[in-house]
PDB file of all heavy atoms in Angstrom:
ATOM      1  N   SER A   1     -42.697 -16.536 -11.112  1.00  0.00           N
ATOM      2  CA  SER A   1     -41.843 -15.375 -11.321  1.00  0.00           C
ATOM      3  C   SER A   1     -42.622 -14.217 -11.914  1.00  0.00           C
ATOM      4  O   SER A   1     -42.478 -13.062 -11.492  1.00  0.00           O
ATOM      5  CB  SER A   1     -40.676 -15.745 -12.243  1.00  0.00           C
ATOM      6  OG  SER A   1     -39.754 -14.680 -12.337  1.00  0.00           O
ATOM      7  N   ASN A   2     -43.479 -14.510 -12.920  1.00  0.00           N
ATOM      8  CA  ASN A   2     -44.323 -13.467 -13.494  1.00  0.00           C
ATOM      9  C   ASN A   2     -45.233 -12.868 -12.429  1.00  0.00           C
ATOM     10  O   ASN A   2     -45.395 -11.645 -12.331  1.00  0.00           O
ATOM     11  CB  ASN A   2     -45.157 -14.036 -14.643  1.00  0.00           C
ATOM     12  CG  ASN A   2     -44.367 -14.195 -15.921  1.00  0.00           C
ATOM     13  OD1 ASN A   2     -44.282 -13.287 -16.724  1.00  0.00           O
ATOM     14  ND2 ASN A   2     -43.770 -15.361 -16.109  1.00  0.00           N
ATOM     15  N   TRP A   3     -45.829 -13.718 -11.633  1.00  0.00           N
ATOM     16  CA  TRP A   3     -46.742 -13.296 -10.559  1.00  0.00           C
ATOM     17  C   TRP A   3     -45.988 -12.413  -9.555  1.00  0.00           C
ATOM     18  O   TRP A   3     -46.422 -11.319  -9.193  1.00  0.00           O
ATOM     19  CB  TRP A   3     -47.310 -14.553  -9.903  1.00  0.00           C
ATOM     20  CG  TRP A   3     -48.450 -14.353  -8.940  1.00  0.00           C
ATOM     21  CD1 TRP A   3     -48.740 -13.249  -8.196  1.00  0.00           C
ATOM     22  CD2 TRP A   3     -49.464 -15.314  -8.620  1.00  0.00           C
ATOM     23  NE1 TRP A   3     -49.850 -13.461  -7.425  1.00  0.00           N
ATOM     24  CE2 TRP A   3     -50.325 -14.724  -7.671  1.00  0.00           C
ATOM     25  CE3 TRP A   3     -49.718 -16.622  -9.033  1.00  0.00           C
ATOM     26  CZ2 TRP A   3     -51.408 -15.396  -7.120  1.00  0.00           C
ATOM     27  CZ3 TRP A   3     -50.804 -17.287  -8.500  1.00  0.00           C
ATOM     28  CH2 TRP A   3     -51.647 -16.681  -7.551  1.00  0.00           C
ATOM     29  N   PHE A   4     -44.831 -12.919  -9.108  1.00  0.00           N
ATOM     30  CA  PHE A   4     -44.044 -12.239  -8.080  1.00  0.00           C
ATOM     31  C   PHE A   4     -43.584 -10.858  -8.538  1.00  0.00           C
ATOM     32  O   PHE A   4     -43.704  -9.864  -7.804  1.00  0.00           O
ATOM     33  CB  PHE A   4     -42.835 -13.109  -7.715  1.00  0.00           C
ATOM     34  CG  PHE A   4     -41.825 -12.428  -6.844  1.00  0.00           C
ATOM     35  CD1 PHE A   4     -42.034 -12.317  -5.473  1.00  0.00           C
ATOM     36  CD2 PHE A   4     -40.660 -11.902  -7.380  1.00  0.00           C
ATOM     37  CE1 PHE A   4     -41.108 -11.686  -4.657  1.00  0.00           C
ATOM     38  CE2 PHE A   4     -39.730 -11.261  -6.577  1.00  0.00           C
ATOM     39  CZ  PHE A   4     -39.956 -11.157  -5.212  1.00  0.00           C
ATOM     40  N   VAL A   5     -43.054 -10.767  -9.759  1.00  0.00           N
ATOM     41  CA  VAL A   5     -42.506  -9.497 -10.237  1.00  0.00           C
ATOM     42  C   VAL A   5     -43.606  -8.449 -10.400  1.00  0.00           C
ATOM     43  O   VAL A   5     -43.431  -7.286 -10.037  1.00  0.00           O
ATOM     44  CB  VAL A   5     -41.745  -9.696 -11.559  1.00  0.00           C
ATOM     45  CG1 VAL A   5     -41.349  -8.350 -12.163  1.00  0.00           C
ATOM     46  CG2 VAL A   5     -40.492 -10.533 -11.310  1.00  0.00           C
ATOM     47  N   TRP A   6     -44.757  -8.871 -10.936  1.00  0.00           N
ATOM     48  CA  TRP A   6     -45.846  -7.907 -11.090  1.00  0.00           C
ATOM     49  C   TRP A   6     -46.250  -7.305  -9.751  1.00  0.00           C
ATOM     50  O   TRP A   6     -46.409  -6.091  -9.617  1.00  0.00           O
ATOM     51  CB  TRP A   6     -47.061  -8.585 -11.744  1.00  0.00           C
ATOM     52  CG  TRP A   6     -47.020  -8.542 -13.224  1.00  0.00           C
ATOM     53  CD1 TRP A   6     -46.630  -9.542 -14.077  1.00  0.00           C
ATOM     54  CD2 TRP A   6     -47.344  -7.431 -14.061  1.00  0.00           C
ATOM     55  NE1 TRP A   6     -46.704  -9.132 -15.376  1.00  0.00           N
ATOM     56  CE2 TRP A   6     -47.143  -7.828 -15.402  1.00  0.00           C
ATOM     57  CE3 TRP A   6     -47.794  -6.141 -13.807  1.00  0.00           C
ATOM     58  CZ2 TRP A   6     -47.367  -6.985 -16.480  1.00  0.00           C
ATOM     59  CZ3 TRP A   6     -48.022  -5.290 -14.891  1.00  0.00           C
ATOM     60  CH2 TRP A   6     -47.813  -5.712 -16.201  1.00  0.00           C
ATOM     61  N   VAL A   7     -46.402  -8.151  -8.744  1.00  0.00           N
ATOM     62  CA  VAL A   7     -46.874  -7.680  -7.441  1.00  0.00           C
ATOM     63  C   VAL A   7     -45.837  -6.796  -6.764  1.00  0.00           C
ATOM     64  O   VAL A   7     -46.157  -5.753  -6.192  1.00  0.00           O
ATOM     65  CB  VAL A   7     -47.245  -8.873  -6.537  1.00  0.00           C
ATOM     66  CG1 VAL A   7     -47.510  -8.413  -5.107  1.00  0.00           C
ATOM     67  CG2 VAL A   7     -48.466  -9.604  -7.103  1.00  0.00           C
ATOM     68  N   THR A   8     -44.572  -7.196  -6.816  1.00  0.00           N
ATOM     69  CA  THR A   8     -43.548  -6.464  -6.069  1.00  0.00           C
ATOM     70  C   THR A   8     -43.111  -5.168  -6.753  1.00  0.00           C
ATOM     71  O   THR A   8     -42.645  -4.242  -6.077  1.00  0.00           O
ATOM     72  CB  THR A   8     -42.308  -7.345  -5.838  1.00  0.00           C
ATOM     73  OG1 THR A   8     -41.808  -7.813  -7.103  1.00  0.00           O
ATOM     74  CG2 THR A   8     -42.661  -8.542  -4.965  1.00  0.00           C
ATOM     75  N   GLN A   9     -43.254  -5.103  -8.072  1.00  0.00           N
ATOM     76  CA  GLN A   9     -42.770  -3.921  -8.780  1.00  0.00           C
ATOM     77  C   GLN A   9     -43.853  -2.883  -9.040  1.00  0.00           C
ATOM     78  O   GLN A   9     -43.544  -1.695  -9.181  1.00  0.00           O
ATOM     79  CB  GLN A   9     -42.125  -4.332 -10.117  1.00  0.00           C
ATOM     80  CG  GLN A   9     -40.952  -5.275  -9.968  1.00  0.00           C
ATOM     81  CD  GLN A   9     -39.907  -4.770  -8.992  1.00  0.00           C
ATOM     82  OE1 GLN A   9     -39.418  -3.647  -9.098  1.00  0.00           O
ATOM     83  NE2 GLN A   9     -39.562  -5.590  -8.017  1.00  0.00           N
ATOM     84  N   MET A  10     -45.120  -3.301  -9.112  1.00  0.00           N
ATOM     85  CA  MET A  10     -46.168  -2.356  -9.499  1.00  0.00           C
ATOM     86  C   MET A  10     -46.356  -1.237  -8.479  1.00  0.00           C
ATOM     87  O   MET A  10     -46.872  -0.172  -8.817  1.00  0.00           O
ATOM     88  CB  MET A  10     -47.497  -3.087  -9.696  1.00  0.00           C
ATOM     89  CG  MET A  10     -48.087  -3.685  -8.429  1.00  0.00           C
ATOM     90  SD  MET A  10     -49.581  -4.622  -8.776  1.00  0.00           S
ATOM     91  CE  MET A  10     -50.018  -5.195  -7.119  1.00  0.00           C
ATOM     92  N   ASN A  11     -45.942  -1.458  -7.243  1.00  0.00           N
ATOM     93  CA  ASN A  11     -46.147  -0.435  -6.220  1.00  0.00           C
ATOM     94  C   ASN A  11     -44.840   0.209  -5.753  1.00  0.00           C
ATOM     95  O   ASN A  11     -44.816   0.894  -4.737  1.00  0.00           O
ATOM     96  CB  ASN A  11     -46.904  -1.026  -5.023  1.00  0.00           C
ATOM     97  CG  ASN A  11     -46.472  -2.431  -4.714  1.00  0.00           C
ATOM     98  OD1 ASN A  11     -45.296  -2.755  -4.828  1.00  0.00           O
ATOM     99  ND2 ASN A  11     -47.424  -3.282  -4.327  1.00  0.00           N
ATOM    100  N   HIS A  12     -43.750   0.002  -6.507  1.00  0.00           N
ATOM    101  CA  HIS A  12     -42.480   0.652  -6.194  1.00  0.00           C
ATOM    102  C   HIS A  12     -41.858   1.354  -7.406  1.00  0.00           C
ATOM    103  O   HIS A  12     -41.459   2.517  -7.316  1.00  0.00           O
ATOM    104  CB  HIS A  12     -41.469  -0.368  -5.653  1.00  0.00           C
ATOM    105  CG  HIS A  12     -41.705  -0.772  -4.238  1.00  0.00           C
ATOM    106  ND1 HIS A  12     -41.623   0.120  -3.196  1.00  0.00           N
ATOM    107  CD2 HIS A  12     -42.023  -1.959  -3.682  1.00  0.00           C
ATOM    108  CE1 HIS A  12     -41.878  -0.499  -2.053  1.00  0.00           C
ATOM    109  NE2 HIS A  12     -42.134  -1.765  -2.330  1.00  0.00           N
ATOM    110  N   ILE A  13     -41.758   0.643  -8.528  1.00  0.00           N
ATOM    111  CA  ILE A  13     -41.069   1.170  -9.703  1.00  0.00           C
ATOM    112  C   ILE A  13     -41.674   2.475 -10.231  1.00  0.00           C
ATOM    113  O   ILE A  13     -40.938   3.338 -10.712  1.00  0.00           O
ATOM    114  CB  ILE A  13     -41.027   0.093 -10.821  1.00  0.00           C
ATOM    115  CG1 ILE A  13     -40.131  -1.068 -10.383  1.00  0.00           C
ATOM    116  CG2 ILE A  13     -40.510   0.680 -12.126  1.00  0.00           C
ATOM    117  CD1 ILE A  13     -38.699  -0.671 -10.081  1.00  0.00           C
ATOM    118  N   PRO A  14     -42.996   2.684 -10.156  1.00  0.00           N
ATOM    119  CA  PRO A  14     -43.541   3.960 -10.650  1.00  0.00           C
ATOM    120  C   PRO A  14     -43.150   5.159  -9.789  1.00  0.00           C
ATOM    121  O   PRO A  14     -43.354   6.305 -10.210  1.00  0.00           O
ATOM    122  CB  PRO A  14     -45.063   3.746 -10.608  1.00  0.00           C
ATOM    123  CG  PRO A  14     -45.254   2.273 -10.548  1.00  0.00           C
ATOM    124  CD  PRO A  14     -44.093   1.751  -9.796  1.00  0.00           C
ATOM    125  N   MET A  15     -42.603   4.903  -8.604  1.00  0.00           N
ATOM    126  CA  MET A  15     -42.351   5.980  -7.657  1.00  0.00           C
ATOM    127  C   MET A  15     -40.932   6.538  -7.787  1.00  0.00           C
ATOM    128  O   MET A  15     -40.151   6.121  -8.645  1.00  0.00           O
ATOM    129  CB  MET A  15     -42.620   5.472  -6.239  1.00  0.00           C
ATOM    130  CG  MET A  15     -44.034   4.952  -6.044  1.00  0.00           C
ATOM    131  SD  MET A  15     -45.308   6.167  -6.479  1.00  0.00           S
ATOM    132  CE  MET A  15     -45.082   7.349  -5.144  1.00  0.00           C
ATOM    133  N   HIS A  16     -40.590   7.459  -6.890  1.00  0.00           N
ATOM    134  CA  HIS A  16     -39.303   8.151  -6.925  1.00  0.00           C
ATOM    135  C   HIS A  16     -38.151   7.176  -6.678  1.00  0.00           C
ATOM    136  O   HIS A  16     -38.144   6.451  -5.678  1.00  0.00           O
ATOM    137  CB  HIS A  16     -39.286   9.252  -5.860  1.00  0.00           C
ATOM    138  CG  HIS A  16     -38.030  10.073  -5.848  1.00  0.00           C
ATOM    139  ND1 HIS A  16     -37.719  10.975  -6.849  1.00  0.00           N
ATOM    140  CD2 HIS A  16     -37.001  10.116  -4.969  1.00  0.00           C
ATOM    141  CE1 HIS A  16     -36.566  11.551  -6.582  1.00  0.00           C
ATOM    142  NE2 HIS A  16     -36.099  11.046  -5.455  1.00  0.00           N
ATOM    143  N   ILE A  17     -37.165   7.163  -7.593  1.00  0.00           N
ATOM    144  CA  ILE A  17     -35.972   6.321  -7.457  1.00  0.00           C
ATOM    145  C   ILE A  17     -34.748   7.215  -7.634  1.00  0.00           C
ATOM    146  O   ILE A  17     -34.622   7.929  -8.623  1.00  0.00           O
ATOM    147  CB  ILE A  17     -35.959   5.181  -8.494  1.00  0.00           C
ATOM    148  CG1 ILE A  17     -37.208   4.310  -8.371  1.00  0.00           C
ATOM    149  CG2 ILE A  17     -34.705   4.326  -8.345  1.00  0.00           C
ATOM    150  CD1 ILE A  17     -37.333   3.251  -9.443  1.00  0.00           C
ATOM    151  N   ASP A  18     -33.828   7.171  -6.680  1.00  0.00           N
ATOM    152  CA  ASP A  18     -32.659   8.061  -6.732  1.00  0.00           C
ATOM    153  C   ASP A  18     -31.613   7.524  -5.765  1.00  0.00           C
ATOM    154  O   ASP A  18     -31.827   6.535  -5.064  1.00  0.00           O
ATOM    155  CB  ASP A  18     -33.071   9.480  -6.345  1.00  0.00           C
ATOM    156  CG  ASP A  18     -32.060  10.523  -6.803  1.00  0.00           C
ATOM    157  OD1 ASP A  18     -30.988  10.136  -7.313  1.00  0.00           O
ATOM    158  OD2 ASP A  18     -32.343  11.723  -6.639  1.00  0.00           O
ATOM    159  N   TYR A  19     -30.474   8.184  -5.731  1.00  0.00           N
ATOM    160  CA  TYR A  19     -29.483   7.886  -4.700  1.00  0.00           C
ATOM    161  C   TYR A  19     -30.058   8.266  -3.343  1.00  0.00           C
ATOM    162  O   TYR A  19     -30.997   9.063  -3.251  1.00  0.00           O
ATOM    163  CB  TYR A  19     -28.189   8.658  -4.958  1.00  0.00           C
ATOM    164  CG  TYR A  19     -27.458   8.251  -6.210  1.00  0.00           C
ATOM    165  CD1 TYR A  19     -27.567   9.009  -7.375  1.00  0.00           C
ATOM    166  CD2 TYR A  19     -26.660   7.111  -6.240  1.00  0.00           C
ATOM    167  CE1 TYR A  19     -26.894   8.646  -8.531  1.00  0.00           C
ATOM    168  CE2 TYR A  19     -25.977   6.745  -7.399  1.00  0.00           C
ATOM    169  CZ  TYR A  19     -26.099   7.510  -8.535  1.00  0.00           C
ATOM    170  OH  TYR A  19     -25.450   7.145  -9.686  1.00  0.00           O
ATOM    171  N   ASP A  20     -29.483   7.714  -2.301  1.00  0.00           N
ATOM    172  CA  ASP A  20     -29.949   8.028  -0.946  1.00  0.00           C
ATOM    173  C   ASP A  20     -29.646   9.490  -0.619  1.00  0.00           C
ATOM    174  O   ASP A  20     -28.498   9.920  -0.653  1.00  0.00           O
ATOM    175  CB  ASP A  20     -29.259   7.095   0.057  1.00  0.00           C
ATOM    176  CG  ASP A  20     -29.751   7.319   1.478  1.00  0.00           C
ATOM    177  OD1 ASP A  20     -30.816   7.952   1.632  1.00  0.00           O
ATOM    178  OD2 ASP A  20     -29.086   6.844   2.416  1.00  0.00           O
ATOM    179  N   LYS A  21     -30.691  10.249  -0.327  1.00  0.00           N
ATOM    180  CA  LYS A  21     -30.539  11.663   0.011  1.00  0.00           C
ATOM    181  C   LYS A  21     -30.643  11.905   1.516  1.00  0.00           C
ATOM    182  O   LYS A  21     -30.741  13.052   1.960  1.00  0.00           O
ATOM    183  CB  LYS A  21     -31.618  12.489  -0.699  1.00  0.00           C
ATOM    184  CG  LYS A  21     -31.590  12.369  -2.221  1.00  0.00           C
ATOM    185  CD  LYS A  21     -30.288  12.876  -2.813  1.00  0.00           C
ATOM    186  CE  LYS A  21     -30.312  12.833  -4.332  1.00  0.00           C
ATOM    187  NZ  LYS A  21     -29.031  13.301  -4.928  1.00  0.00           N
ATOM    188  N   ASN A  22     -30.651  10.823   2.294  1.00  0.00           N
ATOM    189  CA  ASN A  22     -30.762  10.917   3.755  1.00  0.00           C
ATOM    190  C   ASN A  22     -32.005  11.701   4.189  1.00  0.00           C
ATOM    191  O   ASN A  22     -31.962  12.485   5.142  1.00  0.00           O
ATOM    192  CB  ASN A  22     -29.500  11.551   4.355  1.00  0.00           C
ATOM    193  CG  ASN A  22     -28.307  10.610   4.293  1.00  0.00           C
ATOM    194  OD1 ASN A  22     -28.441   9.422   4.561  1.00  0.00           O
ATOM    195  ND2 ASN A  22     -27.151  11.133   3.916  1.00  0.00           N
ATOM    196  N   VAL A  23     -33.082  11.483   3.466  1.00  0.00           N
ATOM    197  CA  VAL A  23     -34.359  12.069   3.860  1.00  0.00           C
ATOM    198  C   VAL A  23     -34.876  11.307   5.068  1.00  0.00           C
ATOM    199  O   VAL A  23     -34.517  10.151   5.295  1.00  0.00           O
ATOM    200  CB  VAL A  23     -35.361  11.992   2.685  1.00  0.00           C
ATOM    201  CG1 VAL A  23     -36.707  12.595   3.054  1.00  0.00           C
ATOM    202  CG2 VAL A  23     -34.776  12.687   1.457  1.00  0.00           C
ATOM    203  N   ASP A  24     -35.731  11.946   5.879  1.00  0.00           N
ATOM    204  CA  ASP A  24     -36.253  11.260   7.060  1.00  0.00           C
ATOM    205  C   ASP A  24     -36.982   9.980   6.662  1.00  0.00           C
ATOM    206  O   ASP A  24     -37.495   9.855   5.549  1.00  0.00           O
ATOM    207  CB  ASP A  24     -37.197  12.193   7.823  1.00  0.00           C
ATOM    208  CG  ASP A  24     -38.461  12.512   7.045  1.00  0.00           C
ATOM    209  OD1 ASP A  24     -38.415  13.456   6.224  1.00  0.00           O
ATOM    210  OD2 ASP A  24     -39.485  11.833   7.228  1.00  0.00           O
ATOM    211  N   TRP A  25     -37.018   9.029   7.599  1.00  0.00           N
ATOM    212  CA  TRP A  25     -37.532   7.684   7.317  1.00  0.00           C
ATOM    213  C   TRP A  25     -38.953   7.713   6.786  1.00  0.00           C
ATOM    214  O   TRP A  25     -39.284   7.043   5.794  1.00  0.00           O
ATOM    215  CB  TRP A  25     -37.467   6.835   8.595  1.00  0.00           C
ATOM    216  CG  TRP A  25     -37.946   5.431   8.403  1.00  0.00           C
ATOM    217  CD1 TRP A  25     -37.209   4.358   7.988  1.00  0.00           C
ATOM    218  CD2 TRP A  25     -39.282   4.936   8.618  1.00  0.00           C
ATOM    219  NE1 TRP A  25     -38.004   3.224   7.919  1.00  0.00           N
ATOM    220  CE2 TRP A  25     -39.278   3.558   8.304  1.00  0.00           C
ATOM    221  CE3 TRP A  25     -40.474   5.537   9.045  1.00  0.00           C
ATOM    222  CZ2 TRP A  25     -40.418   2.763   8.405  1.00  0.00           C
ATOM    223  CZ3 TRP A  25     -41.619   4.745   9.132  1.00  0.00           C
ATOM    224  CH2 TRP A  25     -41.582   3.369   8.820  1.00  0.00           C
ATOM    225  N   PHE A  26     -39.816   8.486   7.406  1.00  0.00           N
ATOM    226  CA  PHE A  26     -41.229   8.529   7.023  1.00  0.00           C
ATOM    227  C   PHE A  26     -41.380   8.993   5.575  1.00  0.00           C
ATOM    228  O   PHE A  26     -42.105   8.370   4.787  1.00  0.00           O
ATOM    229  CB  PHE A  26     -41.991   9.466   7.970  1.00  0.00           C
ATOM    230  CG  PHE A  26     -43.474   9.492   7.754  1.00  0.00           C
ATOM    231  CD1 PHE A  26     -44.303   8.545   8.332  1.00  0.00           C
ATOM    232  CD2 PHE A  26     -44.050  10.484   6.959  1.00  0.00           C
ATOM    233  CE1 PHE A  26     -45.680   8.568   8.136  1.00  0.00           C
ATOM    234  CE2 PHE A  26     -45.421  10.515   6.764  1.00  0.00           C
ATOM    235  CZ  PHE A  26     -46.242   9.560   7.357  1.00  0.00           C
ATOM    236  N   SER A  27     -40.701  10.053   5.211  1.00  0.00           N
ATOM    237  CA  SER A  27     -40.789  10.579   3.848  1.00  0.00           C
ATOM    238  C   SER A  27     -40.198   9.598   2.839  1.00  0.00           C
ATOM    239  O   SER A  27     -40.719   9.449   1.720  1.00  0.00           O
ATOM    240  CB  SER A  27     -40.065  11.924   3.744  1.00  0.00           C
ATOM    241  OG  SER A  27     -40.656  12.872   4.615  1.00  0.00           O
ATOM    242  N   THR A  28     -39.112   8.932   3.228  1.00  0.00           N
ATOM    243  CA  THR A  28     -38.491   7.952   2.335  1.00  0.00           C
ATOM    244  C   THR A  28     -39.464   6.841   1.979  1.00  0.00           C
ATOM    245  O   THR A  28     -39.554   6.413   0.822  1.00  0.00           O
ATOM    246  CB  THR A  28     -37.239   7.348   3.002  1.00  0.00           C
ATOM    247  OG1 THR A  28     -36.300   8.391   3.269  1.00  0.00           O
ATOM    248  CG2 THR A  28     -36.586   6.307   2.099  1.00  0.00           C
ATOM    249  N   GLN A  29     -40.211   6.362   2.973  1.00  0.00           N
ATOM    250  CA  GLN A  29     -41.177   5.291   2.726  1.00  0.00           C
ATOM    251  C   GLN A  29     -42.295   5.761   1.791  1.00  0.00           C
ATOM    252  O   GLN A  29     -42.726   5.024   0.896  1.00  0.00           O
ATOM    253  CB  GLN A  29     -41.782   4.809   4.049  1.00  0.00           C
ATOM    254  CG  GLN A  29     -40.764   4.358   5.096  1.00  0.00           C
ATOM    255  CD  GLN A  29     -39.842   3.270   4.604  1.00  0.00           C
ATOM    256  OE1 GLN A  29     -40.260   2.307   3.961  1.00  0.00           O
ATOM    257  NE2 GLN A  29     -38.551   3.414   4.896  1.00  0.00           N
TER     258      GLN A  29
END
């Protein structure tokens, strides 16, 4: 669990998090 959470969160949580603004798919990724 420690291993899994570190890997999956380190490259998402630091980034932009918000409600869905219906931005184009490429920009959303």
